[in-house]
Amino acid sequence: MSKSNNRHVVPNPGGGWDVKKPGADRASAHTDTKHAAEQRGRDIVRNAGGGELRIHALDGRIQDSDTVAPGNDSNPPRDTK
């Protein structure tokens, strides 16, 4: 059984942004800005052993996704920046 370390950055209905584990009622973290929530989400996922961070837009749709090391990206980018 694999343990999921995924987190979602989602808008909070009361203002600000939350970092939530899929299916959770409570947020792992709450911040005032989206950028701060993204950074905190990356820290949480990294400390949990890596995984996916999915960033949502204000309308709730997934806007971006990021694999946080030591996660395993099944479809890594092809560019070599």
Protein backbone atom coordinates (compact mmCIF):
# COMPACT_ATOMS: atom_id res chain seq x y z
CA MET A 1 0.00 0.00 0.00
CA SER A 2 1.51 3.31 -1.04
CA LYS A 3 1.00 6.41 1.05
CA SER A 4 -0.20 9.45 -0.87
CA ASN A 5 1.71 12.65 -0.16
CA ASN A 6 -0.25 14.77 -2.62
CA ARG A 7 -1.55 18.19 -1.63
CA HIS A 8 -3.80 20.77 -3.32
CA VAL A 9 -3.54 24.56 -3.07
CA VAL A 10 -7.15 25.76 -3.07
CA PRO A 11 -8.93 29.07 -2.40
CA ASN A 12 -10.54 29.32 1.02
CA PRO A 13 -14.18 30.50 0.94
CA GLY A 14 -13.45 32.85 3.84
CA GLY A 15 -10.43 34.40 2.13
CA GLY A 16 -6.84 33.37 1.62
CA TRP A 17 -5.55 30.02 0.38
CA ASP A 18 -5.42 26.53 1.89
CA VAL A 19 -3.09 23.58 1.43
CA LYS A 20 -5.22 20.43 1.66
CA LYS A 21 -4.68 16.71 1.38
CA PRO A 22 -7.15 15.08 -1.07
CA GLY A 23 -10.35 14.11 0.75
CA ALA A 24 -9.48 16.03 3.92
CA ASP A 25 -11.96 18.33 5.62
CA ARG A 26 -9.32 20.45 7.34
CA ALA A 27 -6.44 22.29 5.72
CA SER A 28 -2.81 21.35 6.38
CA ALA A 29 -1.97 25.07 6.18
CA HIS A 30 -3.71 28.41 5.56
CA THR A 31 -2.03 31.50 4.11
CA ASP A 32 -3.08 34.95 2.97
CA THR A 33 -1.55 34.64 -0.51
CA LYS A 34 -1.52 31.96 -3.19
CA HIS A 35 2.26 32.21 -3.54
CA ALA A 36 2.77 31.56 0.18
CA ALA A 37 0.39 28.57 0.00
CA GLU A 38 2.37 27.12 -2.93
CA GLN A 39 5.65 27.45 -1.01
CA ARG A 40 4.15 25.93 2.16
CA GLY A 41 2.60 23.11 0.11
CA ARG A 42 5.98 22.29 -1.46
CA ASP A 43 7.56 22.20 2.01
CA ILE A 44 4.84 19.87 3.33
CA VAL A 45 5.13 17.48 0.37
CA ARG A 46 8.96 17.52 0.49
CA ASN A 47 8.96 16.77 4.23
CA ALA A 48 6.51 13.90 3.65
CA GLY A 49 8.89 12.24 1.18
CA GLY A 50 7.86 13.88 -2.10
CA GLY A 51 4.73 13.79 -4.22
CA GLU A 52 2.48 16.02 -6.30
CA LEU A 53 1.36 19.57 -5.57
CA ARG A 54 -1.70 20.62 -7.56
CA ILE A 55 -2.43 24.34 -7.72
CA HIS A 56 -6.02 25.44 -8.32
CA ALA A 57 -7.36 28.68 -9.77
CA LEU A 58 -10.03 30.79 -8.06
CA ASP A 59 -12.74 28.90 -9.96
CA GLY A 60 -11.50 25.60 -8.49
CA ARG A 61 -10.01 24.12 -11.69
CA ILE A 62 -6.47 22.74 -11.58
CA GLN A 63 -4.20 25.45 -12.96
CA ASP A 64 -0.81 23.78 -12.51
CA SER A 65 0.82 20.66 -11.11
CA ASP A 66 4.30 20.20 -9.70
CA THR A 67 6.23 17.07 -8.74
CA VAL A 68 8.17 17.71 -5.56
CA ALA A 69 11.35 15.65 -5.08
CA PRO A 70 11.93 12.90 -4.28
CA GLY A 71 8.64 12.20 -6.04
CA ASN A 72 8.56 10.22 -9.28
CA ASP A 73 7.24 12.22 -12.24
CA SER A 74 5.67 9.74 -14.67
CA ASN A 75 5.79 12.35 -17.44
CA PRO A 76 8.89 14.52 -16.87
CA PRO A 77 9.49 17.66 -18.95
CA ARG A 78 11.65 17.21 -22.02
CA ASP A 79 13.39 20.56 -21.92
CA THR A 80 16.82 20.87 -20.29
CA LYS A 81 16.77 24.43 -18.97
